[in-house]
Amino acid sequence: MALFGKTAAQWRNEKGISGKSPNIRDFASAEELVVLINLEDTNADLIRQEVPKIERLKILREKAYRQLKILRKNKDTIETLKKNIIEDVKKDN
């Protein structure tokens, strides 16, 4: 909800998909998946701290937008890093 602005069920309904498959994550970008992992960890921490659900959603939504902005701003750098890693792996094989 914090990242995509809707539940998976709402997303499937908008797409006319019945059942629980496919998963909204299957259509997420790499950046969104990274943010989602971070949000899940933050949410677990907030639950342990007994932060109310509404407040957690607000915190998570702000964090999601901030992280996506940073990742998208640095997309060229990330792509260069991926390319370098792939080239290094090919050299080692």
C-alpha atoms as a PDB file:
ATOM      1  CA  MET A   1       0.000   0.000   0.000  1.00  0.00           C
ATOM      2  CA  ALA A   2       2.767   2.448   0.930  1.00  0.00           C
ATOM      3  CA  LEU A   3       4.700   1.885  -2.287  1.00  0.00           C
ATOM      4  CA  PHE A   4       2.036   1.300  -4.917  1.00  0.00           C
ATOM      5  CA  GLY A   5      -0.783   3.351  -3.358  1.00  0.00           C
ATOM      6  CA  LYS A   6      -3.167   0.384  -3.476  1.00  0.00           C
ATOM      7  CA  THR A   7      -3.494  -3.150  -2.208  1.00  0.00           C
ATOM      8  CA  ALA A   8      -2.617  -6.116  -4.405  1.00  0.00           C
ATOM      9  CA  ALA A   9      -6.326  -6.999  -4.545  1.00  0.00           C
ATOM     10  CA  GLN A  10      -7.186  -3.481  -5.758  1.00  0.00           C
ATOM     11  CA  TRP A  11      -4.452  -3.704  -8.376  1.00  0.00           C
ATOM     12  CA  ARG A  12      -5.719  -7.090  -9.650  1.00  0.00           C
ATOM     13  CA  ASN A  13      -9.280  -5.762  -9.723  1.00  0.00           C
ATOM     14  CA  GLU A  14      -8.187  -2.761 -11.830  1.00  0.00           C
ATOM     15  CA  LYS A  15      -6.424  -5.143 -14.229  1.00  0.00           C
ATOM     16  CA  GLY A  16      -9.448  -7.486 -14.353  1.00  0.00           C
ATOM     17  CA  ILE A  17      -7.456 -10.353 -12.832  1.00  0.00           C
ATOM     18  CA  SER A  18      -9.210 -12.878 -10.594  1.00  0.00           C
ATOM     19  CA  GLY A  19      -7.497 -14.929  -7.916  1.00  0.00           C
ATOM     20  CA  LYS A  20      -4.207 -14.146  -6.191  1.00  0.00           C
ATOM     21  CA  SER A  21      -1.952 -14.489  -9.201  1.00  0.00           C
ATOM     22  CA  PRO A  22      -0.101 -12.749 -10.751  1.00  0.00           C
ATOM     23  CA  ASN A  23       1.508 -10.885  -7.906  1.00  0.00           C
ATOM     24  CA  ILE A  24       1.910  -7.107  -8.145  1.00  0.00           C
ATOM     25  CA  ARG A  25       5.619  -7.640  -7.444  1.00  0.00           C
ATOM     26  CA  ASP A  26       5.934  -9.483 -10.764  1.00  0.00           C
ATOM     27  CA  PHE A  27       5.341  -6.158 -12.515  1.00  0.00           C
ATOM     28  CA  ALA A  28       7.477  -3.953 -10.248  1.00  0.00           C
ATOM     29  CA  SER A  29      10.693  -2.333 -11.419  1.00  0.00           C
ATOM     30  CA  ALA A  30      14.034  -3.259  -9.859  1.00  0.00           C
ATOM     31  CA  GLU A  31      13.984   0.040  -7.976  1.00  0.00           C
ATOM     32  CA  GLU A  32      10.500  -0.646  -6.601  1.00  0.00           C
ATOM     33  CA  LEU A  33      11.550  -4.113  -5.447  1.00  0.00           C
ATOM     34  CA  VAL A  34      14.565  -2.698  -3.582  1.00  0.00           C
ATOM     35  CA  VAL A  35      12.349  -0.122  -1.888  1.00  0.00           C
ATOM     36  CA  LEU A  36       9.778  -2.786  -1.059  1.00  0.00           C
ATOM     37  CA  ILE A  37      12.394  -4.895   0.729  1.00  0.00           C
ATOM     38  CA  ASN A  38      13.479  -1.845   2.752  1.00  0.00           C
ATOM     39  CA  LEU A  39       9.870  -0.971   3.585  1.00  0.00           C
ATOM     40  CA  GLU A  40       9.147  -4.492   4.824  1.00  0.00           C
ATOM     41  CA  ASP A  41      12.088  -4.267   7.224  1.00  0.00           C
ATOM     42  CA  THR A  42      11.090  -0.790   8.406  1.00  0.00           C
ATOM     43  CA  ASN A  43       7.489  -1.911   8.874  1.00  0.00           C
ATOM     44  CA  ALA A  44       8.618  -4.812  11.060  1.00  0.00           C
ATOM     45  CA  ASP A  45      10.613  -2.379  13.217  1.00  0.00           C
ATOM     46  CA  LEU A  46       7.643  -0.022  13.504  1.00  0.00           C
ATOM     47  CA  ILE A  47       5.342  -2.895  14.498  1.00  0.00           C
ATOM     48  CA  ARG A  48       7.795  -3.907  17.244  1.00  0.00           C
ATOM     49  CA  GLN A  49       7.719  -0.296  18.432  1.00  0.00           C
ATOM     50  CA  GLU A  50       3.897  -0.513  18.456  1.00  0.00           C
ATOM     51  CA  VAL A  51       3.488   2.406  16.048  1.00  0.00           C
ATOM     52  CA  PRO A  52      -0.204   2.623  15.044  1.00  0.00           C
ATOM     53  CA  LYS A  53      -1.080   1.374  11.546  1.00  0.00           C
ATOM     54  CA  ILE A  54      -2.057   4.801  10.158  1.00  0.00           C
ATOM     55  CA  GLU A  55       1.197   6.351  11.380  1.00  0.00           C
ATOM     56  CA  ARG A  56       3.204   3.415   9.978  1.00  0.00           C
ATOM     57  CA  LEU A  57       1.611   3.874   6.572  1.00  0.00           C
ATOM     58  CA  LYS A  58       2.469   7.575   6.602  1.00  0.00           C
ATOM     59  CA  ILE A  59       6.101   6.871   7.548  1.00  0.00           C
ATOM     60  CA  LEU A  60       6.419   4.075   4.991  1.00  0.00           C
ATOM     61  CA  ARG A  61       4.857   6.127   2.190  1.00  0.00           C
ATOM     62  CA  GLU A  62       7.264   9.028   2.814  1.00  0.00           C
ATOM     63  CA  LYS A  63      10.204   6.626   2.904  1.00  0.00           C
ATOM     64  CA  ALA A  64       9.061   4.894  -0.300  1.00  0.00           C
ATOM     65  CA  TYR A  65       8.819   8.132  -2.267  1.00  0.00           C
ATOM     66  CA  ARG A  66      12.168   9.364  -0.940  1.00  0.00           C
ATOM     67  CA  GLN A  67      13.970   6.107  -1.779  1.00  0.00           C
ATOM     68  CA  LEU A  68      12.419   5.820  -5.247  1.00  0.00           C
ATOM     69  CA  LYS A  69      13.435   9.380  -6.017  1.00  0.00           C
ATOM     70  CA  ILE A  70      17.034   8.675  -5.001  1.00  0.00           C
ATOM     71  CA  LEU A  71      17.212   5.383  -6.912  1.00  0.00           C
ATOM     72  CA  ARG A  72      15.713   6.868 -10.067  1.00  0.00           C
ATOM     73  CA  LYS A  73      17.994   9.902  -9.852  1.00  0.00           C
ATOM     74  CA  ASN A  74      20.995   7.584  -9.730  1.00  0.00           C
ATOM     75  CA  LYS A  75      19.737   5.116 -12.337  1.00  0.00           C
ATOM     76  CA  ASP A  76      22.671   5.745 -14.706  1.00  0.00           C
ATOM     77  CA  THR A  77      25.169   5.074 -11.917  1.00  0.00           C
ATOM     78  CA  ILE A  78      23.340   1.896 -10.928  1.00  0.00           C
ATOM     79  CA  GLU A  79      23.304   0.670 -14.539  1.00  0.00           C
ATOM     80  CA  THR A  80      27.054   1.313 -14.823  1.00  0.00           C
ATOM     81  CA  LEU A  81      27.666  -0.644 -11.626  1.00  0.00           C
ATOM     82  CA  LYS A  82      25.555  -3.555 -12.905  1.00  0.00           C
ATOM     83  CA  LYS A  83      27.454  -3.542 -16.196  1.00  0.00           C
ATOM     84  CA  ASN A  84      30.814  -3.551 -14.392  1.00  0.00           C
ATOM     85  CA  ILE A  85      29.741  -6.412 -12.133  1.00  0.00           C
ATOM     86  CA  ILE A  86      28.580  -8.475 -15.107  1.00  0.00           C
ATOM     87  CA  GLU A  87      31.858  -7.811 -16.938  1.00  0.00           C
ATOM     88  CA  ASP A  88      33.867  -8.810 -13.845  1.00  0.00           C
ATOM     89  CA  VAL A  89      31.905 -12.055 -13.514  1.00  0.00           C
ATOM     90  CA  LYS A  90      32.500 -12.860 -17.193  1.00  0.00           C
ATOM     91  CA  LYS A  91      36.242 -12.253 -16.752  1.00  0.00           C
ATOM     92  CA  ASP A  92      36.346 -14.625 -13.774  1.00  0.00           C
ATOM     93  CA  ASN A  93      34.638 -17.439 -15.704  1.00  0.00           C
END
